[in-house]
Amino acid sequence: MENNQYIDIFIEESQEHIENLNSNLLLLENDPKNRQIIDEIFRSAHTLKGMAATMGFENMNKLAHKMEDVLQEVKNG
């Protein structure tokens, strides 16, 4: 597979996870203690972090890692 194909796949999958993040963050506003929503947001951030690291997109990797850190604090109370 050529690099352009990997980038196309990365963009497509990233868009799905970002849409998932956005919709779940909106749900979380109305139900801030909902653990299921928090876990879903965490999974999307974690997946984005891994995909970014794989592609060598360091800034996106760092941003997603910081999101994970914040979400872990939310999970821990």
N, C-alpha and C. Protein backbone atom coordinates (compact mmCIF):
# COMPACT_ATOMS: atom_id res chain seq x y z
N MET A 1 0.84 -1.18 0.00
CA MET A 1 0.00 0.00 0.00
C MET A 1 0.89 1.24 0.00
N GLU A 2 0.54 2.22 -0.79
CA GLU A 2 1.31 3.46 -0.85
C GLU A 2 0.97 4.36 0.34
N ASN A 3 1.90 5.28 0.64
CA ASN A 3 1.69 6.20 1.76
C ASN A 3 0.38 6.98 1.63
N ASN A 4 0.05 7.39 0.40
CA ASN A 4 -1.20 8.14 0.20
C ASN A 4 -2.41 7.33 0.61
N GLN A 5 -2.37 6.03 0.38
CA GLN A 5 -3.48 5.18 0.77
C GLN A 5 -3.59 5.10 2.29
N TYR A 6 -2.45 5.03 2.97
CA TYR A 6 -2.46 5.02 4.43
C TYR A 6 -3.01 6.33 4.97
N ILE A 7 -2.62 7.43 4.36
CA ILE A 7 -3.11 8.73 4.80
C ILE A 7 -4.61 8.83 4.58
N ASP A 8 -5.09 8.34 3.46
CA ASP A 8 -6.54 8.36 3.20
C ASP A 8 -7.30 7.55 4.25
N ILE A 9 -6.78 6.39 4.59
CA ILE A 9 -7.41 5.56 5.63
C ILE A 9 -7.35 6.27 6.97
N PHE A 10 -6.20 6.86 7.28
CA PHE A 10 -6.05 7.60 8.54
C PHE A 10 -7.07 8.72 8.63
N ILE A 11 -7.21 9.49 7.56
CA ILE A 11 -8.15 10.62 7.57
C ILE A 11 -9.58 10.13 7.76
N GLU A 12 -9.94 9.10 7.04
CA GLU A 12 -11.30 8.57 7.14
C GLU A 12 -11.61 8.07 8.55
N GLU A 13 -10.70 7.29 9.11
CA GLU A 13 -10.92 6.75 10.44
C GLU A 13 -10.85 7.84 11.51
N SER A 14 -9.97 8.80 11.33
CA SER A 14 -9.87 9.91 12.28
C SER A 14 -11.16 10.72 12.30
N GLN A 15 -11.72 10.96 11.13
CA GLN A 15 -12.97 11.71 11.06
C GLN A 15 -14.08 10.99 11.83
N GLU A 16 -14.13 9.68 11.71
CA GLU A 16 -15.14 8.91 12.44
C GLU A 16 -14.95 9.06 13.94
N HIS A 17 -13.71 8.98 14.41
CA HIS A 17 -13.45 9.09 15.84
C HIS A 17 -13.69 10.51 16.35
N ILE A 18 -13.38 11.50 15.55
CA ILE A 18 -13.62 12.89 15.94
C ILE A 18 -15.13 13.16 16.01
N GLU A 19 -15.89 12.63 15.07
CA GLU A 19 -17.35 12.76 15.12
C GLU A 19 -17.89 12.08 16.37
N ASN A 20 -17.35 10.92 16.69
CA ASN A 20 -17.75 10.20 17.90
C ASN A 20 -17.42 11.02 19.14
N LEU A 21 -16.23 11.61 19.17
CA LEU A 21 -15.86 12.48 20.29
C LEU A 21 -16.84 13.63 20.43
N ASN A 22 -17.12 14.31 19.35
CA ASN A 22 -18.02 15.47 19.39
C ASN A 22 -19.40 15.09 19.89
N SER A 23 -19.97 14.04 19.35
CA SER A 23 -21.33 13.67 19.76
C SER A 23 -21.36 13.22 21.21
N ASN A 24 -20.35 12.48 21.65
CA ASN A 24 -20.32 12.04 23.04
C ASN A 24 -20.03 13.18 24.01
N LEU A 25 -19.24 14.15 23.60
CA LEU A 25 -19.02 15.32 24.47
C LEU A 25 -20.31 16.09 24.66
N LEU A 26 -21.12 16.19 23.62
CA LEU A 26 -22.42 16.84 23.75
C LEU A 26 -23.32 16.06 24.70
N LEU A 27 -23.31 14.74 24.59
CA LEU A 27 -24.10 13.92 25.52
C LEU A 27 -23.61 14.07 26.95
N LEU A 28 -22.30 14.17 27.11
CA LEU A 28 -21.71 14.29 28.44
C LEU A 28 -22.10 15.60 29.12
N GLU A 29 -22.33 16.64 28.34
CA GLU A 29 -22.78 17.92 28.92
C GLU A 29 -24.09 17.74 29.67
N ASN A 30 -24.96 16.89 29.16
CA ASN A 30 -26.26 16.67 29.79
C ASN A 30 -26.23 15.60 30.87
N ASP A 31 -25.18 14.81 30.90
CA ASP A 31 -25.08 13.71 31.86
C ASP A 31 -23.61 13.52 32.25
N PRO A 32 -23.05 14.50 33.00
CA PRO A 32 -21.60 14.51 33.25
C PRO A 32 -21.05 13.34 34.06
N LYS A 33 -21.89 12.57 34.71
CA LYS A 33 -21.40 11.45 35.52
C LYS A 33 -21.53 10.11 34.79
N ASN A 34 -22.00 10.14 33.54
CA ASN A 34 -22.24 8.91 32.80
C ASN A 34 -20.92 8.25 32.41
N ARG A 35 -20.61 7.18 33.11
CA ARG A 35 -19.33 6.48 32.93
C ARG A 35 -19.20 5.88 31.53
N GLN A 36 -20.32 5.41 30.99
CA GLN A 36 -20.30 4.80 29.66
C GLN A 36 -19.87 5.82 28.60
N ILE A 37 -20.38 7.04 28.70
CA ILE A 37 -20.01 8.09 27.75
C ILE A 37 -18.54 8.45 27.92
N ILE A 38 -18.10 8.57 29.15
CA ILE A 38 -16.70 8.90 29.42
C ILE A 38 -15.78 7.82 28.84
N ASP A 39 -16.15 6.56 29.03
CA ASP A 39 -15.34 5.46 28.49
C ASP A 39 -15.30 5.50 26.96
N GLU A 40 -16.42 5.83 26.35
CA GLU A 40 -16.47 5.91 24.88
C GLU A 40 -15.57 7.04 24.37
N ILE A 41 -15.59 8.18 25.06
CA ILE A 41 -14.73 9.31 24.68
C ILE A 41 -13.26 8.91 24.85
N PHE A 42 -12.95 8.24 25.96
CA PHE A 42 -11.59 7.79 26.22
C PHE A 42 -11.11 6.85 25.11
N ARG A 43 -11.97 5.91 24.70
CA ARG A 43 -11.57 4.96 23.65
C ARG A 43 -11.27 5.68 22.34
N SER A 44 -12.09 6.67 22.01
CA SER A 44 -11.84 7.41 20.77
C SER A 44 -10.51 8.17 20.85
N ALA A 45 -10.26 8.81 21.99
CA ALA A 45 -9.00 9.55 22.16
C ALA A 45 -7.82 8.58 22.09
N HIS A 46 -7.96 7.43 22.73
CA HIS A 46 -6.89 6.44 22.74
C HIS A 46 -6.60 5.92 21.32
N THR A 47 -7.65 5.67 20.58
CA THR A 47 -7.49 5.19 19.20
C THR A 47 -6.83 6.25 18.33
N LEU A 48 -7.27 7.50 18.48
CA LEU A 48 -6.66 8.60 17.72
C LEU A 48 -5.17 8.73 18.06
N LYS A 49 -4.85 8.58 19.34
CA LYS A 49 -3.45 8.66 19.76
C LYS A 49 -2.62 7.57 19.09
N GLY A 50 -3.11 6.36 19.10
CA GLY A 50 -2.38 5.25 18.49
C GLY A 50 -2.23 5.41 16.98
N MET A 51 -3.30 5.83 16.34
CA MET A 51 -3.23 6.03 14.89
C MET A 51 -2.24 7.14 14.55
N ALA A 52 -2.27 8.23 15.31
CA ALA A 52 -1.36 9.35 15.05
C ALA A 52 0.10 8.92 15.26
N ALA A 53 0.34 8.15 16.32
CA ALA A 53 1.70 7.67 16.58
C ALA A 53 2.18 6.78 15.45
N THR A 54 1.32 5.91 14.97
CA THR A 54 1.66 5.01 13.88
C THR A 54 2.04 5.78 12.62
N MET A 55 1.32 6.86 12.37
CA MET A 55 1.56 7.66 11.17
C MET A 55 2.71 8.66 11.35
N GLY A 56 3.19 8.82 12.59
CA GLY A 56 4.26 9.77 12.85
C GLY A 56 3.78 11.20 13.01
N PHE A 57 2.49 11.37 13.32
CA PHE A 57 1.92 12.71 13.52
C PHE A 57 2.04 13.07 15.00
N GLU A 58 3.22 13.57 15.37
CA GLU A 58 3.56 13.77 16.77
C GLU A 58 2.64 14.77 17.49
N ASN A 59 2.31 15.88 16.85
CA ASN A 59 1.45 16.87 17.51
C ASN A 59 0.07 16.29 17.82
N MET A 60 -0.49 15.57 16.90
CA MET A 60 -1.80 14.95 17.14
C MET A 60 -1.69 13.88 18.21
N ASN A 61 -0.61 13.14 18.20
CA ASN A 61 -0.36 12.13 19.22
C ASN A 61 -0.32 12.78 20.60
N LYS A 62 0.40 13.88 20.73
CA LYS A 62 0.50 14.58 22.01
C LYS A 62 -0.85 15.12 22.47
N LEU A 63 -1.61 15.68 21.54
CA LEU A 63 -2.93 16.22 21.87
C LEU A 63 -3.86 15.11 22.36
N ALA A 64 -3.89 14.00 21.66
CA ALA A 64 -4.74 12.88 22.06
C ALA A 64 -4.28 12.31 23.40
N HIS A 65 -2.98 12.30 23.64
CA HIS A 65 -2.46 11.83 24.93
C HIS A 65 -2.92 12.74 26.06
N LYS A 66 -2.90 14.04 25.84
CA LYS A 66 -3.38 14.98 26.86
C LYS A 66 -4.88 14.79 27.11
N MET A 67 -5.63 14.50 26.05
CA MET A 67 -7.06 14.21 26.22
C MET A 67 -7.24 12.98 27.10
N GLU A 68 -6.45 11.96 26.86
CA GLU A 68 -6.50 10.76 27.69
C GLU A 68 -6.21 11.09 29.15
N ASP A 69 -5.19 11.91 29.39
CA ASP A 69 -4.84 12.28 30.76
C ASP A 69 -6.00 12.97 31.46
N VAL A 70 -6.63 13.91 30.78
CA VAL A 70 -7.77 14.63 31.36
C VAL A 70 -8.92 13.67 31.63
N LEU A 71 -9.20 12.82 30.67
CA LEU A 71 -10.30 11.87 30.83
C LEU A 71 -10.01 10.87 31.95
N GLN A 72 -8.76 10.50 32.13
CA GLN A 72 -8.41 9.61 33.24
C GLN A 72 -8.67 10.29 34.57
N GLU A 73 -8.38 11.58 34.66
CA GLU A 73 -8.68 12.33 35.88
C GLU A 73 -10.18 12.38 36.13
N VAL A 74 -10.96 12.57 35.07
CA VAL A 74 -12.42 12.57 35.20
C VAL A 74 -12.89 11.20 35.69
N LYS A 75 -12.33 10.14 35.13
CA LYS A 75 -12.71 8.79 35.55
C LYS A 75 -12.39 8.55 37.03
N ASN A 76 -11.26 9.08 37.47
CA ASN A 76 -10.82 8.87 38.86
C ASN A 76 -11.56 9.76 39.85
N GLY A 77 -12.31 10.71 39.32
CA GLY A 77 -13.09 11.61 40.19
C GLY A 77 -12.28 12.76 40.58
